[in-house]
Amino acid sequence: MAINVNTVYQTVLYILNKEQRGYMTPMEFNSIGTQVQLEIFEKYFDDLNQQLRVPQADTDYADRVENIDEKIAIFKTFGNANYVTSLGTGSYFILPTTDIYGVNVSFYRLGSVVFNSDTLVQRLDRTDFYRAEKSQLTKPTTSLPAYLYENNKLFIKPTTIKDNIQVDYVRKPNDINWGFTVGTLGQYIYQENTSVQFDLHESEQTEVILNILIYAGIIIRDPQVVQAAVQQVQADEVNSKS
């Protein structure tokens, strides 16, 4: 389940108002919430890399690698790459902007590239990609294809491959939005049908609120809000990695 954008906003307002620290407008909240979500999302990959280096508990629900991967899995999807012929750069495939489910997504990180649904395409760096053609032993074939990934383009060999390329990838989180109308007294009234919820795993709700409060403290120029939120975030990070 996603994190409810209204729950987060109302909690942030409650904490700020309870401590008489100020107010955050919906527009400020939407911008900050989107930034916080992206920061937490990008941190998953560093955390995963770190956890892969240490032994994991062989216990259900306690494996940190699996737990982080579960959070990333929300953003995993796949789609068909499109073949393009260009006079300047030759032929290549462009990454999908619509996934297999028909949803418009923003590409973030490339996963596996597959030909004909069952043949994994090997990724090579620029030097190996062009050297591979010079030897019959390493020359790419339709049964052992290879690709070069540069400038968000897939250059695939052999060049006879012009379709049936599928890409597994991680999409970016959607920008959050606390939708609203303005009431007769000038108050903001929440509108669920125009809102965009947080994409993050529901276990991140506390982290989202704390990080938004850090930015809130900067906006209202209250160092105590920033300090309290930073200390709690740091304590949570130590607990999660110890």
C-alpha atoms as a PDB file:
ATOM      1  CA  MET A   1       0.000   0.000   0.000  1.00  0.00           C
ATOM      2  CA  ALA A   2       1.102   3.555  -0.688  1.00  0.00           C
ATOM      3  CA  ILE A   3       1.540   6.205   1.979  1.00  0.00           C
ATOM      4  CA  ASN A   4      -1.506   8.453   2.157  1.00  0.00           C
ATOM      5  CA  VAL A   5      -0.542  12.003   1.231  1.00  0.00           C
ATOM      6  CA  ASN A   6      -3.280  13.517   3.378  1.00  0.00           C
ATOM      7  CA  THR A   7      -2.203  11.566   6.461  1.00  0.00           C
ATOM      8  CA  VAL A   8       1.357  12.831   6.075  1.00  0.00           C
ATOM      9  CA  TYR A   9       0.322  16.449   5.508  1.00  0.00           C
ATOM     10  CA  GLN A  10      -2.097  16.512   8.432  1.00  0.00           C
ATOM     11  CA  THR A  11       0.534  14.953  10.711  1.00  0.00           C
ATOM     12  CA  VAL A  12       3.118  17.547   9.694  1.00  0.00           C
ATOM     13  CA  LEU A  13       0.628  20.358  10.298  1.00  0.00           C
ATOM     14  CA  TYR A  14      -0.361  18.870  13.654  1.00  0.00           C
ATOM     15  CA  ILE A  15       3.252  18.735  14.850  1.00  0.00           C
ATOM     16  CA  LEU A  16       4.002  22.256  13.663  1.00  0.00           C
ATOM     17  CA  ASN A  17       0.818  23.700  15.163  1.00  0.00           C
ATOM     18  CA  LYS A  18       1.153  21.772  18.428  1.00  0.00           C
ATOM     19  CA  GLU A  19       4.577  23.254  18.973  1.00  0.00           C
ATOM     20  CA  GLN A  20       3.411  26.597  17.575  1.00  0.00           C
ATOM     21  CA  ARG A  21       6.210  26.472  15.044  1.00  0.00           C
ATOM     22  CA  GLY A  22       4.365  27.879  12.036  1.00  0.00           C
ATOM     23  CA  TYR A  23       2.525  26.599   8.970  1.00  0.00           C
ATOM     24  CA  MET A  24       3.263  24.860   5.669  1.00  0.00           C
ATOM     25  CA  THR A  25       1.100  25.604   2.630  1.00  0.00           C
ATOM     26  CA  PRO A  26      -0.062  22.803   0.310  1.00  0.00           C
ATOM     27  CA  MET A  27       2.218  24.120  -2.419  1.00  0.00           C
ATOM     28  CA  GLU A  28       5.225  24.005  -0.098  1.00  0.00           C
ATOM     29  CA  PHE A  29       4.222  20.554   1.099  1.00  0.00           C
ATOM     30  CA  ASN A  30       3.894  19.191  -2.443  1.00  0.00           C
ATOM     31  CA  SER A  31       7.357  20.426  -3.442  1.00  0.00           C
ATOM     32  CA  ILE A  32       9.026  19.245  -0.248  1.00  0.00           C
ATOM     33  CA  GLY A  33       7.169  15.936  -0.201  1.00  0.00           C
ATOM     34  CA  THR A  34       8.271  15.155  -3.760  1.00  0.00           C
ATOM     35  CA  GLN A  35      11.892  15.977  -2.886  1.00  0.00           C
ATOM     36  CA  VAL A  36      11.836  13.896   0.306  1.00  0.00           C
ATOM     37  CA  GLN A  37      10.341  10.918  -1.510  1.00  0.00           C
ATOM     38  CA  LEU A  38      13.056  11.085  -4.177  1.00  0.00           C
ATOM     39  CA  GLU A  39      15.825  11.313  -1.552  1.00  0.00           C
ATOM     40  CA  ILE A  40      14.527   8.258   0.318  1.00  0.00           C
ATOM     41  CA  PHE A  41      14.111   6.361  -2.960  1.00  0.00           C
ATOM     42  CA  GLU A  42      17.648   7.097  -4.162  1.00  0.00           C
ATOM     43  CA  LYS A  43      19.055   6.038  -0.794  1.00  0.00           C
ATOM     44  CA  TYR A  44      17.664   2.513  -1.287  1.00  0.00           C
ATOM     45  CA  PHE A  45      20.381   1.692  -3.814  1.00  0.00           C
ATOM     46  CA  ASP A  46      23.227   2.778  -1.542  1.00  0.00           C
ATOM     47  CA  ASP A  47      21.673   0.867   1.347  1.00  0.00           C
ATOM     48  CA  LEU A  48      21.275  -2.237  -0.805  1.00  0.00           C
ATOM     49  CA  ASN A  49      24.887  -2.064  -1.937  1.00  0.00           C
ATOM     50  CA  GLN A  50      26.015  -1.739   1.673  1.00  0.00           C
ATOM     51  CA  GLN A  51      23.900  -4.646   2.920  1.00  0.00           C
ATOM     52  CA  LEU A  52      25.130  -6.935   0.139  1.00  0.00           C
ATOM     53  CA  ARG A  53      28.588  -6.706   1.709  1.00  0.00           C
ATOM     54  CA  VAL A  54      27.566  -8.078   5.115  1.00  0.00           C
ATOM     55  CA  PRO A  55      26.088 -11.429   6.197  1.00  0.00           C
ATOM     56  CA  GLN A  56      22.301 -11.516   6.418  1.00  0.00           C
ATOM     57  CA  ALA A  57      20.027 -13.140   8.976  1.00  0.00           C
ATOM     58  CA  ASP A  58      18.563 -16.387   7.697  1.00  0.00           C
ATOM     59  CA  THR A  59      15.181 -15.544   9.183  1.00  0.00           C
ATOM     60  CA  ASP A  60      11.891 -14.565   7.603  1.00  0.00           C
ATOM     61  CA  TYR A  61      11.265 -10.797   7.642  1.00  0.00           C
ATOM     62  CA  ALA A  62      14.756 -10.066   9.053  1.00  0.00           C
ATOM     63  CA  ASP A  63      16.824 -10.250   5.857  1.00  0.00           C
ATOM     64  CA  ARG A  64      17.739  -6.621   5.174  1.00  0.00           C
ATOM     65  CA  VAL A  65      18.654  -7.219   1.532  1.00  0.00           C
ATOM     66  CA  GLU A  66      15.218  -8.700   0.880  1.00  0.00           C
ATOM     67  CA  ASN A  67      13.529  -5.913   2.838  1.00  0.00           C
ATOM     68  CA  ILE A  68      15.246  -3.197   0.819  1.00  0.00           C
ATOM     69  CA  ASP A  69      14.557  -5.037  -2.432  1.00  0.00           C
ATOM     70  CA  GLU A  70      10.905  -5.243  -1.451  1.00  0.00           C
ATOM     71  CA  LYS A  71      10.821  -1.443  -1.205  1.00  0.00           C
ATOM     72  CA  ILE A  72      12.509  -1.083  -4.595  1.00  0.00           C
ATOM     73  CA  ALA A  73      10.153  -3.678  -6.125  1.00  0.00           C
ATOM     74  CA  ILE A  74       7.333  -1.112  -6.005  1.00  0.00           C
ATOM     75  CA  PHE A  75       9.169   0.759  -8.760  1.00  0.00           C
ATOM     76  CA  LYS A  76      10.242  -2.213 -10.876  1.00  0.00           C
ATOM     77  CA  THR A  77       8.550  -2.612 -14.234  1.00  0.00           C
ATOM     78  CA  PHE A  78       9.306  -3.582 -17.835  1.00  0.00           C
ATOM     79  CA  GLY A  79       8.414  -2.603 -21.360  1.00  0.00           C
ATOM     80  CA  ASN A  80       9.328  -2.862 -25.029  1.00  0.00           C
ATOM     81  CA  ALA A  81      12.217  -0.827 -26.419  1.00  0.00           C
ATOM     82  CA  ASN A  82      11.581   0.895 -29.749  1.00  0.00           C
ATOM     83  CA  TYR A  83      13.889   0.580 -32.754  1.00  0.00           C
ATOM     84  CA  VAL A  84      15.145   3.823 -34.308  1.00  0.00           C
ATOM     85  CA  THR A  85      17.297   4.439 -37.390  1.00  0.00           C
ATOM     86  CA  SER A  86      19.356   7.631 -37.405  1.00  0.00           C
ATOM     87  CA  LEU A  87      21.782   8.930 -40.034  1.00  0.00           C
ATOM     88  CA  GLY A  88      24.003  10.446 -37.363  1.00  0.00           C
ATOM     89  CA  THR A  89      24.326   7.667 -34.773  1.00  0.00           C
ATOM     90  CA  GLY A  90      23.140   4.624 -36.686  1.00  0.00           C
ATOM     91  CA  SER A  91      20.456   2.253 -35.457  1.00  0.00           C
ATOM     92  CA  TYR A  92      19.569   1.877 -31.796  1.00  0.00           C
ATOM     93  CA  PHE A  93      16.719   1.213 -29.394  1.00  0.00           C
ATOM     94  CA  ILE A  94      15.160   3.871 -27.188  1.00  0.00           C
ATOM     95  CA  LEU A  95      13.993   3.052 -23.696  1.00  0.00           C
ATOM     96  CA  PRO A  96      10.252   2.650 -23.111  1.00  0.00           C
ATOM     97  CA  THR A  97       8.283   5.606 -21.752  1.00  0.00           C
ATOM     98  CA  THR A  98       5.187   3.430 -21.300  1.00  0.00           C
ATOM     99  CA  ASP A  99       5.500   0.128 -19.458  1.00  0.00           C
ATOM    100  CA  ILE A 100       3.846  -3.180 -20.318  1.00  0.00           C
ATOM    101  CA  TYR A 101       0.817  -2.183 -18.252  1.00  0.00           C
ATOM    102  CA  GLY A 102       0.196   0.927 -20.354  1.00  0.00           C
ATOM    103  CA  VAL A 103       1.347   3.319 -17.622  1.00  0.00           C
ATOM    104  CA  ASN A 104       3.456   6.350 -18.516  1.00  0.00           C
ATOM    105  CA  VAL A 105       6.599   6.178 -16.403  1.00  0.00           C
ATOM    106  CA  SER A 106       9.887   8.032 -15.994  1.00  0.00           C
ATOM    107  CA  PHE A 107      12.921   5.804 -16.470  1.00  0.00           C
ATOM    108  CA  TYR A 108      15.416   5.724 -13.592  1.00  0.00           C
ATOM    109  CA  ARG A 109      17.735   2.713 -13.696  1.00  0.00           C
ATOM    110  CA  LEU A 110      18.304  -0.025 -16.249  1.00  0.00           C
ATOM    111  CA  GLY A 111      17.952  -3.676 -15.276  1.00  0.00           C
ATOM    112  CA  SER A 112      18.021  -6.630 -17.688  1.00  0.00           C
ATOM    113  CA  VAL A 113      17.718  -6.433 -21.483  1.00  0.00           C
ATOM    114  CA  VAL A 114      16.056  -9.454 -23.085  1.00  0.00           C
ATOM    115  CA  PHE A 115      15.647 -10.525 -26.709  1.00  0.00           C
ATOM    116  CA  ASN A 116      12.616 -12.561 -27.802  1.00  0.00           C
ATOM    117  CA  SER A 117      11.457 -12.870 -24.178  1.00  0.00           C
ATOM    118  CA  ASP A 118      13.994 -15.580 -23.318  1.00  0.00           C
ATOM    119  CA  THR A 119      17.505 -14.522 -24.398  1.00  0.00           C
ATOM    120  CA  LEU A 120      19.475 -12.307 -22.035  1.00  0.00           C
ATOM    121  CA  VAL A 121      21.449  -9.607 -23.852  1.00  0.00           C
ATOM    122  CA  GLN A 122      24.948  -9.142 -22.427  1.00  0.00           C
ATOM    123  CA  ARG A 123      25.986  -5.637 -21.419  1.00  0.00           C
ATOM    124  CA  LEU A 124      29.424  -4.506 -22.620  1.00  0.00           C
ATOM    125  CA  ASP A 125      31.399  -1.314 -22.200  1.00  0.00           C
ATOM    126  CA  ARG A 126      32.303   0.717 -25.274  1.00  0.00           C
ATOM    127  CA  THR A 127      35.703  -0.884 -25.849  1.00  0.00           C
ATOM    128  CA  ASP A 128      34.509  -4.480 -25.528  1.00  0.00           C
ATOM    129  CA  PHE A 129      31.385  -3.751 -27.575  1.00  0.00           C
ATOM    130  CA  TYR A 130      33.398  -2.745 -30.639  1.00  0.00           C
ATOM    131  CA  ARG A 131      36.197  -5.255 -30.147  1.00  0.00           C
ATOM    132  CA  ALA A 132      33.722  -8.129 -29.954  1.00  0.00           C
ATOM    133  CA  GLU A 133      33.113  -7.912 -33.716  1.00  0.00           C
ATOM    134  CA  LYS A 134      36.761  -8.678 -34.504  1.00  0.00           C
ATOM    135  CA  SER A 135      36.718 -12.265 -33.324  1.00  0.00           C
ATOM    136  CA  GLN A 136      34.472 -15.142 -34.335  1.00  0.00           C
ATOM    137  CA  LEU A 137      34.639 -16.370 -30.723  1.00  0.00           C
ATOM    138  CA  THR A 138      33.264 -13.150 -29.238  1.00  0.00           C
ATOM    139  CA  LYS A 139      31.160 -11.860 -32.126  1.00  0.00           C
ATOM    140  CA  PRO A 140      27.558 -11.325 -30.943  1.00  0.00           C
ATOM    141  CA  THR A 141      24.865 -13.533 -32.466  1.00  0.00           C
ATOM    142  CA  THR A 142      21.091 -13.739 -32.113  1.00  0.00           C
ATOM    143  CA  SER A 143      21.610 -16.521 -29.567  1.00  0.00           C
ATOM    144  CA  LEU A 144      24.297 -14.534 -27.698  1.00  0.00           C
ATOM    145  CA  PRO A 145      23.543 -10.843 -28.366  1.00  0.00           C
ATOM    146  CA  ALA A 146      25.263  -7.887 -26.704  1.00  0.00           C
ATOM    147  CA  TYR A 147      24.431  -4.254 -26.079  1.00  0.00           C
ATOM    148  CA  LEU A 148      26.057  -0.918 -25.324  1.00  0.00           C
ATOM    149  CA  TYR A 149      24.107   1.505 -23.115  1.00  0.00           C
ATOM    150  CA  GLU A 150      24.942   5.164 -23.662  1.00  0.00           C
ATOM    151  CA  ASN A 151      22.959   8.405 -23.593  1.00  0.00           C
ATOM    152  CA  ASN A 152      19.753   6.515 -22.726  1.00  0.00           C
ATOM    153  CA  LYS A 153      20.097   4.478 -25.917  1.00  0.00           C
ATOM    154  CA  LEU A 154      20.636   0.747 -26.446  1.00  0.00           C
ATOM    155  CA  PHE A 155      23.005  -0.188 -29.272  1.00  0.00           C
ATOM    156  CA  ILE A 156      22.512  -3.898 -29.940  1.00  0.00           C
ATOM    157  CA  LYS A 157      24.545  -6.407 -31.934  1.00  0.00           C
ATOM    158  CA  PRO A 158      24.066  -8.217 -34.168  1.00  0.00           C
ATOM    159  CA  THR A 159      22.426  -5.355 -36.057  1.00  0.00           C
ATOM    160  CA  THR A 160      19.945  -7.794 -37.583  1.00  0.00           C
ATOM    161  CA  ILE A 161      17.989  -7.498 -34.325  1.00  0.00           C
ATOM    162  CA  LYS A 162      15.404  -4.800 -34.962  1.00  0.00           C
ATOM    163  CA  ASP A 163      12.545  -5.739 -32.667  1.00  0.00           C
ATOM    164  CA  ASN A 164      11.489  -7.925 -29.729  1.00  0.00           C
ATOM    165  CA  ILE A 165      13.741  -6.171 -27.214  1.00  0.00           C
ATOM    166  CA  GLN A 166      12.263  -6.005 -23.717  1.00  0.00           C
ATOM    167  CA  VAL A 167      13.753  -3.958 -20.886  1.00  0.00           C
ATOM    168  CA  ASP A 168      13.433  -4.487 -17.134  1.00  0.00           C
ATOM    169  CA  TYR A 169      13.967  -1.212 -15.317  1.00  0.00           C
ATOM    170  CA  VAL A 170      13.236   0.863 -12.244  1.00  0.00           C
ATOM    171  CA  ARG A 171      10.982   3.877 -12.683  1.00  0.00           C
ATOM    172  CA  LYS A 172      11.187   7.146 -10.780  1.00  0.00           C
ATOM    173  CA  PRO A 173       8.578   7.881  -8.103  1.00  0.00           C
ATOM    174  CA  ASN A 174       5.675  10.049  -9.198  1.00  0.00           C
ATOM    175  CA  ASP A 175       5.559  13.623  -7.912  1.00  0.00           C
ATOM    176  CA  ILE A 176       3.213  13.705  -4.942  1.00  0.00           C
ATOM    177  CA  ASN A 177       0.270  16.098  -4.827  1.00  0.00           C
ATOM    178  CA  TRP A 178      -2.038  17.091  -1.999  1.00  0.00           C
ATOM    179  CA  GLY A 179      -4.997  18.144  -4.121  1.00  0.00           C
ATOM    180  CA  PHE A 180      -7.357  20.744  -2.757  1.00  0.00           C
ATOM    181  CA  THR A 181     -10.080  23.287  -3.367  1.00  0.00           C
ATOM    182  CA  VAL A 182     -10.449  26.583  -1.540  1.00  0.00           C
ATOM    183  CA  GLY A 183     -13.469  26.894   0.757  1.00  0.00           C
ATOM    184  CA  THR A 184     -15.679  29.908   1.394  1.00  0.00           C
ATOM    185  CA  LEU A 185     -13.483  30.961   4.312  1.00  0.00           C
ATOM    186  CA  GLY A 186     -10.297  30.640   2.287  1.00  0.00           C
ATOM    187  CA  GLN A 187      -9.446  27.276   3.851  1.00  0.00           C
ATOM    188  CA  TYR A 188      -7.827  24.429   1.947  1.00  0.00           C
ATOM    189  CA  ILE A 189     -10.132  21.416   1.493  1.00  0.00           C
ATOM    190  CA  TYR A 190      -8.523  18.075   0.633  1.00  0.00           C
ATOM    191  CA  GLN A 191      -9.553  16.508  -2.682  1.00  0.00           C
ATOM    192  CA  GLU A 192      -8.640  12.841  -2.932  1.00  0.00           C
ATOM    193  CA  ASN A 193      -9.545  12.518  -6.620  1.00  0.00           C
ATOM    194  CA  THR A 194      -6.916  15.096  -7.664  1.00  0.00           C
ATOM    195  CA  SER A 195      -4.248  13.926  -5.218  1.00  0.00           C
ATOM    196  CA  VAL A 196      -1.199  11.766  -5.924  1.00  0.00           C
ATOM    197  CA  GLN A 197      -0.133   9.521  -3.059  1.00  0.00           C
ATOM    198  CA  PHE A 198       3.428   8.742  -1.996  1.00  0.00           C
ATOM    199  CA  ASP A 199       4.760   5.741  -3.943  1.00  0.00           C
ATOM    200  CA  LEU A 200       7.011   4.605  -1.115  1.00  0.00           C
ATOM    201  CA  HIS A 201       6.417   1.494   0.994  1.00  0.00           C
ATOM    202  CA  GLU A 202       4.096   2.238   3.902  1.00  0.00           C
ATOM    203  CA  SER A 203       6.879   1.423   6.376  1.00  0.00           C
ATOM    204  CA  GLU A 204       8.554   4.681   5.291  1.00  0.00           C
ATOM    205  CA  GLN A 205       5.761   6.928   6.608  1.00  0.00           C
ATOM    206  CA  THR A 206       7.651   8.005   9.733  1.00  0.00           C
ATOM    207  CA  GLU A 207      10.803   8.680   7.707  1.00  0.00           C
ATOM    208  CA  VAL A 208       8.818  10.793   5.253  1.00  0.00           C
ATOM    209  CA  ILE A 209       7.247  12.895   8.015  1.00  0.00           C
ATOM    210  CA  LEU A 210      10.549  13.458   9.817  1.00  0.00           C
ATOM    211  CA  ASN A 211      12.345  14.512   6.648  1.00  0.00           C
ATOM    212  CA  ILE A 212       9.553  16.896   5.692  1.00  0.00           C
ATOM    213  CA  LEU A 213       9.803  18.440   9.159  1.00  0.00           C
ATOM    214  CA  ILE A 214      13.499  19.074   8.544  1.00  0.00           C
ATOM    215  CA  TYR A 215      12.614  21.155   5.488  1.00  0.00           C
ATOM    216  CA  ALA A 216       9.720  22.744   7.386  1.00  0.00           C
ATOM    217  CA  GLY A 217      12.150  23.960  10.030  1.00  0.00           C
ATOM    218  CA  ILE A 218      14.254  25.581   7.324  1.00  0.00           C
ATOM    219  CA  ILE A 219      11.220  27.260   5.754  1.00  0.00           C
ATOM    220  CA  ILE A 220       9.937  28.706   9.027  1.00  0.00           C
ATOM    221  CA  ARG A 221      13.505  29.385  10.180  1.00  0.00           C
ATOM    222  CA  ASP A 222      13.205  27.385  13.352  1.00  0.00           C
ATOM    223  CA  PRO A 223      16.447  25.496  14.105  1.00  0.00           C
ATOM    224  CA  GLN A 224      14.778  23.520  16.913  1.00  0.00           C
ATOM    225  CA  VAL A 225      12.448  21.790  14.448  1.00  0.00           C
ATOM    226  CA  VAL A 226      15.397  20.948  12.213  1.00  0.00           C
ATOM    227  CA  GLN A 227      17.522  19.704  15.104  1.00  0.00           C
ATOM    228  CA  ALA A 228      14.805  17.511  16.598  1.00  0.00           C
ATOM    229  CA  ALA A 229      13.904  15.957  13.237  1.00  0.00           C
ATOM    230  CA  VAL A 230      17.550  15.385  12.249  1.00  0.00           C
ATOM    231  CA  GLN A 231      18.306  13.673  15.540  1.00  0.00           C
ATOM    232  CA  GLN A 232      15.355  11.331  15.115  1.00  0.00           C
ATOM    233  CA  VAL A 233      16.295  10.515  11.501  1.00  0.00           C
ATOM    234  CA  GLN A 234      19.883   9.773  12.537  1.00  0.00           C
ATOM    235  CA  ALA A 235      18.689   7.558  15.389  1.00  0.00           C
ATOM    236  CA  ASP A 236      16.456   5.628  12.987  1.00  0.00           C
ATOM    237  CA  GLU A 237      19.348   5.119  10.555  1.00  0.00           C
ATOM    238  CA  VAL A 238      21.634   3.812  13.298  1.00  0.00           C
ATOM    239  CA  ASN A 239      18.957   1.382  14.461  1.00  0.00           C
ATOM    240  CA  SER A 240      18.301   0.146  10.936  1.00  0.00           C
ATOM    241  CA  LYS A 241      21.986  -0.597  10.271  1.00  0.00           C
ATOM    242  CA  SER A 242      23.124  -1.877  13.656  1.00  0.00           C
END
